[in-house]
N, C-alpha and C. Protein backbone atom coordinates (compact mmCIF):
# COMPACT_ATOMS: atom_id res chain seq x y z
N UNK A 1 -20.82 30.64 38.09
CA UNK A 1 -21.34 29.31 38.23
C UNK A 1 -22.52 29.07 37.36
N UNK A 2 -23.28 30.13 37.03
CA UNK A 2 -24.45 29.96 36.18
C UNK A 2 -24.09 29.58 34.72
N UNK A 3 -22.82 29.85 34.32
CA UNK A 3 -22.38 29.49 32.97
C UNK A 3 -21.63 28.19 32.94
N UNK A 4 -21.65 27.49 34.02
CA UNK A 4 -20.95 26.20 34.11
C UNK A 4 -21.28 25.22 33.03
N UNK A 5 -22.53 25.13 32.59
CA UNK A 5 -22.97 24.23 31.53
C UNK A 5 -22.98 24.87 30.18
N UNK A 6 -22.40 26.04 30.04
CA UNK A 6 -22.37 26.72 28.76
C UNK A 6 -21.54 25.97 27.72
N UNK A 7 -21.91 26.08 26.46
CA UNK A 7 -21.18 25.41 25.40
C UNK A 7 -20.04 26.34 24.79
N UNK A 8 -20.00 27.56 25.26
CA UNK A 8 -19.01 28.48 24.76
C UNK A 8 -17.69 28.19 25.49
N UNK A 9 -16.57 28.38 24.68
CA UNK A 9 -15.27 28.10 25.22
C UNK A 9 -14.43 29.40 25.25
N UNK A 10 -13.86 29.63 26.40
CA UNK A 10 -12.99 30.78 26.57
C UNK A 10 -11.70 30.56 25.76
N UNK A 11 -11.29 31.47 24.94
CA UNK A 11 -10.13 31.30 24.10
C UNK A 11 -8.86 31.06 24.94
N UNK A 12 -8.70 31.80 26.02
CA UNK A 12 -7.49 31.64 26.89
C UNK A 12 -7.45 30.27 27.48
N UNK A 13 -8.58 29.78 27.95
CA UNK A 13 -8.65 28.43 28.54
C UNK A 13 -8.38 27.37 27.46
N UNK A 14 -8.96 27.51 26.27
CA UNK A 14 -8.68 26.64 25.17
C UNK A 14 -7.23 26.58 24.81
N UNK A 15 -6.57 27.73 24.71
CA UNK A 15 -5.19 27.78 24.37
C UNK A 15 -4.31 27.19 25.50
N UNK A 16 -4.68 27.38 26.73
CA UNK A 16 -4.02 26.75 27.88
C UNK A 16 -4.18 25.23 27.81
N UNK A 17 -5.31 24.76 27.49
CA UNK A 17 -5.54 23.32 27.42
C UNK A 17 -4.74 22.70 26.28
N UNK A 18 -4.68 23.43 25.14
CA UNK A 18 -3.85 22.90 24.00
C UNK A 18 -2.38 22.85 24.44
N UNK A 19 -1.91 23.84 25.17
CA UNK A 19 -0.57 23.82 25.69
C UNK A 19 -0.28 22.61 26.66
N UNK A 20 -1.22 22.42 27.56
CA UNK A 20 -1.13 21.27 28.48
C UNK A 20 -1.11 19.96 27.73
N UNK A 21 -1.99 19.82 26.74
CA UNK A 21 -2.07 18.62 25.93
C UNK A 21 -0.74 18.42 25.18
N UNK A 22 -0.23 19.45 24.57
CA UNK A 22 1.04 19.37 23.80
C UNK A 22 2.14 18.94 24.74
N UNK A 23 2.27 19.55 25.95
CA UNK A 23 3.34 19.21 26.87
C UNK A 23 3.18 17.80 27.40
N UNK A 24 1.96 17.40 27.75
CA UNK A 24 1.73 16.06 28.28
C UNK A 24 2.04 14.98 27.30
N UNK A 25 1.57 15.13 26.08
CA UNK A 25 1.76 14.12 25.08
C UNK A 25 3.20 14.09 24.58
N UNK A 26 3.80 15.27 24.44
CA UNK A 26 5.15 15.33 23.95
C UNK A 26 6.13 14.76 24.98
N UNK A 27 5.98 15.13 26.23
CA UNK A 27 6.90 14.57 27.26
C UNK A 27 6.63 13.07 27.47
N UNK A 28 5.35 12.72 27.42
CA UNK A 28 5.07 11.24 27.61
C UNK A 28 5.70 10.41 26.49
N UNK A 29 5.64 10.91 25.26
CA UNK A 29 6.23 10.18 24.16
C UNK A 29 7.76 10.13 24.22
N UNK A 30 8.35 11.16 24.81
CA UNK A 30 9.82 11.14 24.98
C UNK A 30 10.26 9.97 25.83
N UNK A 31 9.39 9.52 26.74
CA UNK A 31 9.77 8.40 27.60
C UNK A 31 9.88 7.11 26.79
N UNK A 32 9.17 7.06 25.67
CA UNK A 32 9.25 5.93 24.73
C UNK A 32 10.39 6.09 23.73
N UNK A 33 10.68 7.35 23.40
CA UNK A 33 11.75 7.61 22.40
C UNK A 33 13.09 7.49 22.93
N UNK A 34 13.37 7.88 24.16
CA UNK A 34 14.77 7.86 24.66
C UNK A 34 15.40 6.51 24.61
N UNK A 35 14.76 5.42 25.02
CA UNK A 35 15.41 4.12 24.90
C UNK A 35 15.71 3.75 23.45
N UNK A 36 14.88 4.15 22.51
CA UNK A 36 15.11 3.84 21.17
C UNK A 36 16.26 4.71 20.60
N UNK A 37 16.36 6.00 21.01
CA UNK A 37 17.45 6.84 20.69
C UNK A 37 18.77 6.29 21.18
N UNK A 38 18.77 5.77 22.43
CA UNK A 38 20.00 5.19 22.99
C UNK A 38 20.36 3.94 22.20
N UNK A 39 19.39 3.14 21.77
CA UNK A 39 19.66 1.94 21.01
C UNK A 39 20.26 2.34 19.64
N UNK A 40 19.79 3.46 19.07
CA UNK A 40 20.27 3.89 17.78
C UNK A 40 21.72 4.40 17.89
N UNK A 41 22.08 5.08 18.97
CA UNK A 41 23.40 5.71 19.13
C UNK A 41 24.38 4.66 19.59
N UNK A 42 23.98 3.80 20.52
CA UNK A 42 24.96 2.93 21.22
C UNK A 42 25.12 1.54 20.61
N UNK A 43 24.22 1.09 19.86
CA UNK A 43 24.20 -0.30 19.48
C UNK A 43 24.85 -0.49 18.06
N UNK A 44 25.77 -1.44 17.98
CA UNK A 44 26.36 -1.73 16.62
C UNK A 44 25.32 -2.54 15.90
N UNK A 45 24.80 -3.54 16.53
CA UNK A 45 23.82 -4.40 15.87
C UNK A 45 22.45 -4.01 16.32
N UNK A 46 21.61 -3.44 15.45
CA UNK A 46 20.30 -2.95 15.80
C UNK A 46 19.29 -4.09 15.57
N UNK A 47 18.60 -4.37 16.62
CA UNK A 47 17.48 -5.35 16.52
C UNK A 47 16.19 -4.64 16.71
N UNK A 48 15.52 -4.38 15.56
CA UNK A 48 14.31 -3.61 15.61
C UNK A 48 13.45 -4.14 14.43
N UNK A 49 12.19 -3.86 14.49
CA UNK A 49 11.25 -4.35 13.47
C UNK A 49 11.68 -3.80 12.11
N UNK A 50 11.71 -4.63 11.10
CA UNK A 50 12.00 -4.24 9.72
C UNK A 50 10.73 -3.93 9.06
N UNK A 51 10.31 -2.67 9.07
CA UNK A 51 9.03 -2.29 8.49
C UNK A 51 9.14 -2.00 7.00
N UNK A 52 8.33 -2.61 6.21
CA UNK A 52 8.28 -2.46 4.75
C UNK A 52 9.59 -2.84 4.06
N UNK A 53 10.39 -3.66 4.69
CA UNK A 53 11.63 -4.04 4.08
C UNK A 53 12.71 -2.97 4.02
N UNK A 54 12.51 -1.97 4.80
CA UNK A 54 13.51 -0.83 4.82
C UNK A 54 14.78 -1.15 5.55
N UNK A 55 14.73 -2.18 6.36
CA UNK A 55 15.88 -2.51 7.22
C UNK A 55 15.62 -2.10 8.64
N UNK A 56 16.23 -2.80 9.56
CA UNK A 56 16.02 -2.47 11.00
C UNK A 56 16.51 -1.06 11.35
N UNK A 57 17.72 -0.73 10.85
CA UNK A 57 18.31 0.54 11.19
C UNK A 57 17.48 1.73 10.68
N UNK A 58 17.02 1.64 9.42
CA UNK A 58 16.23 2.74 8.87
C UNK A 58 14.87 2.87 9.57
N UNK A 59 14.24 1.68 9.87
CA UNK A 59 13.00 1.67 10.59
C UNK A 59 13.18 2.32 11.97
N UNK A 60 14.22 1.95 12.66
CA UNK A 60 14.45 2.56 14.00
C UNK A 60 14.78 4.06 13.84
N UNK A 61 15.50 4.47 12.80
CA UNK A 61 15.78 5.86 12.62
C UNK A 61 14.45 6.68 12.38
N UNK A 62 13.56 6.12 11.57
CA UNK A 62 12.28 6.78 11.34
C UNK A 62 11.47 6.90 12.63
N UNK A 63 11.50 5.82 13.43
CA UNK A 63 10.75 5.89 14.70
C UNK A 63 11.37 6.93 15.66
N UNK A 64 12.68 6.98 15.70
CA UNK A 64 13.30 7.93 16.57
C UNK A 64 13.07 9.40 16.12
N UNK A 65 13.06 9.57 14.76
CA UNK A 65 12.73 10.89 14.19
C UNK A 65 11.33 11.28 14.67
N UNK A 66 10.39 10.41 14.54
CA UNK A 66 8.99 10.71 14.89
C UNK A 66 8.88 10.90 16.42
N UNK A 67 9.29 9.85 17.16
CA UNK A 67 9.02 9.92 18.60
C UNK A 67 9.87 10.90 19.40
N UNK A 68 11.10 11.14 18.91
CA UNK A 68 11.94 12.06 19.68
C UNK A 68 11.89 13.51 19.04
N UNK A 69 12.34 13.67 17.84
CA UNK A 69 12.43 14.98 17.25
C UNK A 69 11.05 15.65 17.11
N UNK A 70 10.05 14.89 16.58
CA UNK A 70 8.72 15.46 16.41
C UNK A 70 8.07 15.76 17.77
N UNK A 71 8.40 14.95 18.77
CA UNK A 71 7.88 15.25 20.14
C UNK A 71 8.46 16.54 20.72
N UNK A 72 9.74 16.79 20.44
CA UNK A 72 10.38 18.03 20.91
C UNK A 72 9.71 19.21 20.23
N UNK A 73 9.51 19.05 18.86
CA UNK A 73 8.81 20.11 18.12
C UNK A 73 7.42 20.34 18.72
N UNK A 74 6.77 19.29 19.07
CA UNK A 74 5.35 19.37 19.62
C UNK A 74 5.41 20.08 20.99
N UNK A 75 6.38 19.79 21.81
CA UNK A 75 6.46 20.38 23.09
C UNK A 75 6.61 21.93 22.97
N UNK A 76 7.46 22.36 22.04
CA UNK A 76 7.66 23.83 21.82
C UNK A 76 6.63 24.46 20.91
N UNK A 77 5.79 23.63 20.30
CA UNK A 77 4.80 24.16 19.40
C UNK A 77 5.44 24.69 18.14
N UNK A 78 6.41 24.02 17.62
CA UNK A 78 7.13 24.43 16.41
C UNK A 78 6.80 23.44 15.28
N UNK A 79 6.26 24.04 14.18
CA UNK A 79 5.79 23.23 13.07
C UNK A 79 4.86 22.08 13.49
N UNK A 80 3.99 22.45 14.39
CA UNK A 80 3.16 21.50 15.15
C UNK A 80 2.38 20.56 14.23
N UNK A 81 1.59 21.07 13.29
CA UNK A 81 0.80 20.26 12.47
C UNK A 81 1.63 19.29 11.61
N UNK A 82 2.80 19.76 11.16
CA UNK A 82 3.67 18.93 10.40
C UNK A 82 4.37 17.78 11.31
N UNK A 83 4.58 18.20 12.57
CA UNK A 83 5.26 17.27 13.52
C UNK A 83 4.32 16.16 13.93
N UNK A 84 3.02 16.36 13.98
CA UNK A 84 2.14 15.30 14.44
C UNK A 84 1.88 14.22 13.36
N UNK A 85 2.09 14.57 12.09
CA UNK A 85 1.82 13.60 11.08
C UNK A 85 2.71 12.34 11.19
N UNK A 86 4.05 12.50 11.30
CA UNK A 86 4.89 11.32 11.52
C UNK A 86 4.54 10.53 12.77
N UNK A 87 4.16 11.28 13.83
CA UNK A 87 3.75 10.64 15.03
C UNK A 87 2.44 9.85 14.90
N UNK A 88 1.50 10.38 14.16
CA UNK A 88 0.27 9.64 13.87
C UNK A 88 0.55 8.38 13.05
N UNK A 89 1.43 8.48 12.06
CA UNK A 89 1.74 7.32 11.23
C UNK A 89 2.42 6.25 12.08
N UNK A 90 3.36 6.69 12.95
CA UNK A 90 4.05 5.79 13.85
C UNK A 90 3.06 5.07 14.78
N UNK A 91 2.12 5.77 15.30
CA UNK A 91 1.13 5.16 16.21
C UNK A 91 0.22 4.20 15.45
N UNK A 92 -0.16 4.51 14.25
CA UNK A 92 -0.95 3.57 13.49
C UNK A 92 -0.16 2.31 13.17
N UNK A 93 1.14 2.42 12.76
CA UNK A 93 1.98 1.28 12.55
C UNK A 93 2.13 0.47 13.86
N UNK A 94 2.26 1.14 15.00
CA UNK A 94 2.36 0.39 16.22
C UNK A 94 1.05 -0.35 16.54
N UNK A 95 -0.08 0.31 16.30
CA UNK A 95 -1.36 -0.29 16.56
C UNK A 95 -1.65 -1.49 15.66
N UNK A 96 -1.49 -1.32 14.34
CA UNK A 96 -1.94 -2.30 13.39
C UNK A 96 -0.87 -3.33 13.02
N UNK A 97 0.42 -2.96 13.04
CA UNK A 97 1.46 -3.88 12.65
C UNK A 97 2.25 -4.45 13.88
N UNK A 98 2.85 -3.60 14.63
CA UNK A 98 3.68 -4.08 15.78
C UNK A 98 2.87 -4.83 16.78
N UNK A 99 1.69 -4.31 17.13
CA UNK A 99 0.80 -4.92 18.15
C UNK A 99 -0.45 -5.51 17.49
N UNK A 100 -0.46 -5.69 16.26
CA UNK A 100 -1.63 -6.09 15.48
C UNK A 100 -2.29 -7.37 16.05
N UNK A 101 -1.51 -8.31 16.40
CA UNK A 101 -2.03 -9.62 16.94
C UNK A 101 -2.28 -9.62 18.41
N UNK A 102 -1.81 -8.55 19.09
CA UNK A 102 -1.96 -8.47 20.55
C UNK A 102 -3.41 -8.10 20.94
N UNK A 103 -3.81 -8.45 22.13
CA UNK A 103 -5.14 -8.06 22.67
C UNK A 103 -5.21 -6.49 22.73
N UNK A 104 -6.43 -6.03 22.70
CA UNK A 104 -6.60 -4.53 22.68
C UNK A 104 -5.88 -3.81 23.85
N UNK A 105 -5.83 -4.41 25.01
CA UNK A 105 -5.17 -3.81 26.14
C UNK A 105 -3.69 -3.53 25.90
N UNK A 106 -3.00 -4.40 25.04
CA UNK A 106 -1.63 -4.16 24.73
C UNK A 106 -1.38 -3.06 23.73
N UNK A 107 -2.36 -2.82 22.87
CA UNK A 107 -2.21 -1.77 21.84
C UNK A 107 -2.98 -0.56 22.06
N UNK A 108 -3.68 -0.50 23.18
CA UNK A 108 -4.57 0.66 23.47
C UNK A 108 -3.78 1.96 23.53
N UNK A 109 -2.60 1.96 24.13
CA UNK A 109 -1.81 3.20 24.28
C UNK A 109 -1.49 3.83 22.95
N UNK A 110 -1.15 3.08 21.95
CA UNK A 110 -0.80 3.61 20.69
C UNK A 110 -2.03 4.30 19.99
N UNK A 111 -3.19 3.74 20.16
CA UNK A 111 -4.34 4.35 19.49
C UNK A 111 -4.79 5.66 20.30
N UNK A 112 -4.52 5.62 21.63
CA UNK A 112 -4.86 6.75 22.41
C UNK A 112 -3.90 7.92 22.00
N UNK A 113 -2.61 7.67 21.80
CA UNK A 113 -1.68 8.65 21.34
C UNK A 113 -2.14 9.17 19.94
N UNK A 114 -2.54 8.25 19.12
CA UNK A 114 -3.00 8.67 17.77
C UNK A 114 -4.12 9.69 17.92
N UNK A 115 -5.09 9.46 18.75
CA UNK A 115 -6.22 10.43 18.84
C UNK A 115 -5.81 11.72 19.53
N UNK A 116 -4.82 11.72 20.44
CA UNK A 116 -4.24 12.90 20.94
C UNK A 116 -3.61 13.76 19.81
N UNK A 117 -2.86 13.05 18.97
CA UNK A 117 -2.20 13.72 17.87
C UNK A 117 -3.18 14.26 16.85
N UNK A 118 -4.26 13.47 16.59
CA UNK A 118 -5.35 13.94 15.71
C UNK A 118 -5.96 15.19 16.25
N UNK A 119 -6.21 15.22 17.54
CA UNK A 119 -6.79 16.44 18.18
C UNK A 119 -5.87 17.62 18.03
N UNK A 120 -4.62 17.43 18.19
CA UNK A 120 -3.60 18.55 18.01
C UNK A 120 -3.55 18.96 16.57
N UNK A 121 -3.64 18.00 15.65
CA UNK A 121 -3.66 18.34 14.24
C UNK A 121 -4.81 19.22 13.88
N UNK A 122 -5.97 18.95 14.42
CA UNK A 122 -7.15 19.72 14.16
C UNK A 122 -7.14 21.09 14.89
N UNK A 123 -6.71 21.13 16.13
CA UNK A 123 -6.76 22.40 16.89
C UNK A 123 -5.52 23.29 16.58
N UNK A 124 -4.40 22.67 16.17
CA UNK A 124 -3.17 23.50 15.95
C UNK A 124 -2.44 23.64 17.25
N UNK A 125 -1.41 24.47 17.24
CA UNK A 125 -0.53 24.63 18.39
C UNK A 125 -1.06 25.58 19.40
N UNK A 126 -2.00 26.40 19.07
CA UNK A 126 -2.52 27.37 20.07
C UNK A 126 -1.66 28.65 20.24
N UNK A 127 -2.09 29.50 21.06
CA UNK A 127 -1.41 30.81 21.26
C UNK A 127 -0.05 30.69 21.93
N UNK A 128 0.11 29.72 22.76
CA UNK A 128 1.32 29.57 23.54
C UNK A 128 2.28 28.61 22.84
N UNK A 129 2.84 29.04 21.73
CA UNK A 129 3.72 28.19 20.90
C UNK A 129 4.62 29.03 20.03
N UNK A 130 5.71 28.38 19.56
CA UNK A 130 6.58 29.04 18.65
C UNK A 130 5.91 29.35 17.29
N UNK A 131 4.96 28.42 16.93
CA UNK A 131 4.21 28.70 15.68
C UNK A 131 3.50 30.04 15.72
N UNK A 132 2.95 30.34 16.84
CA UNK A 132 2.20 31.65 16.98
C UNK A 132 3.17 32.79 16.94
N UNK A 133 4.34 32.67 17.58
CA UNK A 133 5.33 33.74 17.61
C UNK A 133 5.81 34.00 16.14
N UNK A 134 6.08 32.98 15.42
CA UNK A 134 6.53 33.14 14.03
C UNK A 134 5.41 33.67 13.13
N UNK A 135 4.18 33.26 13.36
CA UNK A 135 3.04 33.69 12.52
C UNK A 135 2.78 35.18 12.84
N UNK A 136 3.04 35.67 14.06
CA UNK A 136 2.82 37.08 14.36
C UNK A 136 3.86 37.93 13.62
N UNK A 137 5.13 37.43 13.49
CA UNK A 137 6.15 38.14 12.74
C UNK A 137 5.70 38.28 11.25
N UNK A 138 5.09 37.17 10.74
CA UNK A 138 4.68 37.25 9.35
C UNK A 138 3.50 38.24 9.11
N UNK A 139 2.67 38.38 10.16
CA UNK A 139 1.55 39.35 10.05
C UNK A 139 2.02 40.78 10.05
N UNK A 140 3.21 41.06 10.57
CA UNK A 140 3.70 42.39 10.57
C UNK A 140 4.15 42.93 9.20
N UNK A 141 4.45 41.99 8.33
CA UNK A 141 4.96 42.42 6.97
C UNK A 141 3.85 42.52 6.01
C-alpha cells in the first residue's frame, strides 16, 4: 500500500492492461463491423458513403477491412501496429467526414476509438500476443 502512489509500472500489469485494452477495443469495434460485413455480403445494391469518389462498394469494403479484419488482428495481437493504422484512418474519416457536421456528442465515439488505437500504436501489442510469440521465434535464430 505504501507504493500505491508510485510512478513505476509493473511490466506484467502493463502487459495485462494492454491485453485488456486490445480485447475491449477489438470486440467493441466488431459490433460496428458486423452489420457492415452483412451489408457487404448480402446486399446487391450497396448504399454507403462514397468516400473520395471510390464508389460505395469500395468504400464499404475498406471500412469492413479496417473494422472487421483489423479488429480481429488486434484481438489476437497479430501485426498489431499495422492493424491499428487503417482503424485510425477510419475513425478520423468518421469523425471529420461522416459526422463532421454533427454535434460533438454524435462523433465522440469515433475520436475515442482513435485515441485507443493511438495508445495501442505507441505501446504495441504487449507480451500476451501473437506478435510476441512470433518475435520470440525470430530471437532464437
